[in-house]
């Protein structure tokens, strides 16, 4: 009997601190990408970082970088990703969404 692996498409939106240098930002993006790949996922798209000013301060910070990742993976990977993002000092907010279809 062959076991089929279910892969879903997910989108994760991450808001990084706005005071990061380009190198620090790139390092964090690469780290998220490698977490997805080493956990058996495949990155479909990474949008360029977008610097935005917040309407209200988040943790005392006025602006941040928004980065959007789209990837396919098994249903377990988003929980691993959430755990890693929640302990990162550079991440202000994140949201993982399962895309339909």
C-alpha atoms as a PDB file:
ATOM      1  CA  UNK A   1       0.000   0.000   0.000  1.00  0.00           C
ATOM      2  CA  UNK A   2       1.387   3.382  -1.046  1.00  0.00           C
ATOM      3  CA  UNK A   3       0.863   6.229   1.385  1.00  0.00           C
ATOM      4  CA  UNK A   4       0.018   9.530  -0.310  1.00  0.00           C
ATOM      5  CA  UNK A   5       1.377  12.711   1.191  1.00  0.00           C
ATOM      6  CA  UNK A   6      -1.103  15.578   1.331  1.00  0.00           C
ATOM      7  CA  UNK A   7       0.437  18.936   0.421  1.00  0.00           C
ATOM      8  CA  UNK A   8      -1.438  22.176   0.872  1.00  0.00           C
ATOM      9  CA  UNK A   9      -0.618  25.703  -0.272  1.00  0.00           C
ATOM     10  CA  UNK A  10       0.049  28.209   2.497  1.00  0.00           C
ATOM     11  CA  UNK A  11       0.780  31.909   2.698  1.00  0.00           C
ATOM     12  CA  UNK A  12       2.691  33.463   5.573  1.00  0.00           C
ATOM     13  CA  UNK A  13       2.843  37.217   6.070  1.00  0.00           C
ATOM     14  CA  UNK A  14       5.662  38.368   8.340  1.00  0.00           C
ATOM     15  CA  UNK A  15       6.267  41.860   9.745  1.00  0.00           C
ATOM     16  CA  UNK A  16       9.905  42.446  10.677  1.00  0.00           C
ATOM     17  CA  UNK A  17      11.232  45.361  12.726  1.00  0.00           C
ATOM     18  CA  UNK A  18      11.836  48.448  10.601  1.00  0.00           C
ATOM     19  CA  UNK A  19      15.269  49.147  12.101  1.00  0.00           C
ATOM     20  CA  UNK A  20      16.893  46.039  10.572  1.00  0.00           C
ATOM     21  CA  UNK A  21      19.723  46.504   8.092  1.00  0.00           C
ATOM     22  CA  UNK A  22      19.422  44.990   4.607  1.00  0.00           C
ATOM     23  CA  UNK A  23      21.779  42.166   5.609  1.00  0.00           C
ATOM     24  CA  UNK A  24      19.803  41.357   8.777  1.00  0.00           C
ATOM     25  CA  UNK A  25      16.528  41.397   6.856  1.00  0.00           C
ATOM     26  CA  UNK A  26      17.944  39.136   4.126  1.00  0.00           C
ATOM     27  CA  UNK A  27      19.316  36.763   6.791  1.00  0.00           C
ATOM     28  CA  UNK A  28      15.868  36.473   8.411  1.00  0.00           C
ATOM     29  CA  UNK A  29      14.141  35.885   5.061  1.00  0.00           C
ATOM     30  CA  UNK A  30      16.691  33.184   4.177  1.00  0.00           C
ATOM     31  CA  UNK A  31      16.207  31.584   7.595  1.00  0.00           C
ATOM     32  CA  UNK A  32      12.429  31.300   7.082  1.00  0.00           C
ATOM     33  CA  UNK A  33      12.964  29.933   3.570  1.00  0.00           C
ATOM     34  CA  UNK A  34      15.420  27.292   4.825  1.00  0.00           C
ATOM     35  CA  UNK A  35      13.031  26.294   7.647  1.00  0.00           C
ATOM     36  CA  UNK A  36      10.335  25.639   5.045  1.00  0.00           C
ATOM     37  CA  UNK A  37      12.692  23.663   2.794  1.00  0.00           C
ATOM     38  CA  UNK A  38      14.299  21.563   5.546  1.00  0.00           C
ATOM     39  CA  UNK A  39      10.856  20.639   6.890  1.00  0.00           C
ATOM     40  CA  UNK A  40       9.818  19.206   3.531  1.00  0.00           C
ATOM     41  CA  UNK A  41       8.080  22.237   2.039  1.00  0.00           C
ATOM     42  CA  UNK A  42       8.648  24.012  -1.262  1.00  0.00           C
ATOM     43  CA  UNK A  43       8.743  27.803  -1.530  1.00  0.00           C
ATOM     44  CA  UNK A  44       6.677  29.002  -4.491  1.00  0.00           C
ATOM     45  CA  UNK A  45       7.167  32.764  -4.129  1.00  0.00           C
ATOM     46  CA  UNK A  46       8.800  35.314  -1.837  1.00  0.00           C
ATOM     47  CA  UNK A  47       7.670  38.881  -2.397  1.00  0.00           C
ATOM     48  CA  UNK A  48      10.139  41.727  -2.021  1.00  0.00           C
ATOM     49  CA  UNK A  49      10.160  43.377   1.423  1.00  0.00           C
ATOM     50  CA  UNK A  50       7.889  46.389   1.654  1.00  0.00           C
ATOM     51  CA  UNK A  51       8.695  49.068   4.246  1.00  0.00           C
ATOM     52  CA  UNK A  52       5.522  50.532   5.767  1.00  0.00           C
ATOM     53  CA  UNK A  53       4.762  52.978   8.554  1.00  0.00           C
ATOM     54  CA  UNK A  54       2.370  51.676  11.230  1.00  0.00           C
ATOM     55  CA  UNK A  55      -0.735  53.614  12.283  1.00  0.00           C
ATOM     56  CA  UNK A  56       0.094  52.676  15.887  1.00  0.00           C
ATOM     57  CA  UNK A  57       3.397  51.714  17.460  1.00  0.00           C
ATOM     58  CA  UNK A  58       4.031  47.972  17.702  1.00  0.00           C
ATOM     59  CA  UNK A  59       6.299  47.125  20.639  1.00  0.00           C
ATOM     60  CA  UNK A  60       7.535  50.728  20.552  1.00  0.00           C
ATOM     61  CA  UNK A  61       8.420  50.601  16.839  1.00  0.00           C
ATOM     62  CA  UNK A  62       6.907  52.957  14.229  1.00  0.00           C
ATOM     63  CA  UNK A  63       7.601  51.040  10.985  1.00  0.00           C
ATOM     64  CA  UNK A  64       8.372  47.595   9.679  1.00  0.00           C
ATOM     65  CA  UNK A  65       9.127  45.401   6.698  1.00  0.00           C
ATOM     66  CA  UNK A  66       6.282  43.283   5.331  1.00  0.00           C
ATOM     67  CA  UNK A  67       7.342  40.056   3.590  1.00  0.00           C
ATOM     68  CA  UNK A  68       4.953  37.544   2.040  1.00  0.00           C
ATOM     69  CA  UNK A  69       5.906  33.874   1.481  1.00  0.00           C
ATOM     70  CA  UNK A  70       3.844  31.358  -0.502  1.00  0.00           C
ATOM     71  CA  UNK A  71       4.757  27.683  -0.093  1.00  0.00           C
ATOM     72  CA  UNK A  72       3.429  24.137  -0.316  1.00  0.00           C
ATOM     73  CA  UNK A  73       3.874  21.656   2.503  1.00  0.00           C
ATOM     74  CA  UNK A  74       2.327  19.000   4.667  1.00  0.00           C
ATOM     75  CA  UNK A  75      -0.163  20.194   7.316  1.00  0.00           C
ATOM     76  CA  UNK A  76       2.463  19.898  10.105  1.00  0.00           C
ATOM     77  CA  UNK A  77       4.902  22.507   8.732  1.00  0.00           C
ATOM     78  CA  UNK A  78       2.854  25.652   9.560  1.00  0.00           C
ATOM     79  CA  UNK A  79       3.013  24.757  13.275  1.00  0.00           C
ATOM     80  CA  UNK A  80       6.812  24.435  13.099  1.00  0.00           C
ATOM     81  CA  UNK A  81       6.979  27.760  11.279  1.00  0.00           C
ATOM     82  CA  UNK A  82       4.708  29.476  13.832  1.00  0.00           C
ATOM     83  CA  UNK A  83       6.902  28.225  16.676  1.00  0.00           C
ATOM     84  CA  UNK A  84      10.051  29.583  15.010  1.00  0.00           C
ATOM     85  CA  UNK A  85       8.462  32.952  14.191  1.00  0.00           C
ATOM     86  CA  UNK A  86       7.064  33.392  17.697  1.00  0.00           C
ATOM     87  CA  UNK A  87      10.526  33.149  19.302  1.00  0.00           C
ATOM     88  CA  UNK A  88      12.314  35.388  16.777  1.00  0.00           C
ATOM     89  CA  UNK A  89      13.305  38.798  18.164  1.00  0.00           C
ATOM     90  CA  UNK A  90      13.144  40.477  14.747  1.00  0.00           C
ATOM     91  CA  UNK A  91       9.546  39.410  14.004  1.00  0.00           C
ATOM     92  CA  UNK A  92       6.824  41.772  15.253  1.00  0.00           C
ATOM     93  CA  UNK A  93       3.811  39.930  13.804  1.00  0.00           C
ATOM     94  CA  UNK A  94       3.056  36.992  11.544  1.00  0.00           C
ATOM     95  CA  UNK A  95       0.038  35.255  10.064  1.00  0.00           C
ATOM     96  CA  UNK A  96      -0.097  31.840   8.396  1.00  0.00           C
ATOM     97  CA  UNK A  97      -3.041  31.165   6.076  1.00  0.00           C
ATOM     98  CA  UNK A  98      -3.992  27.989   4.218  1.00  0.00           C
ATOM     99  CA  UNK A  99      -4.948  28.870   0.660  1.00  0.00           C
ATOM    100  CA  UNK A 100      -7.855  27.035  -0.927  1.00  0.00           C
ATOM    101  CA  UNK A 101      -7.579  25.234  -4.242  1.00  0.00           C
END
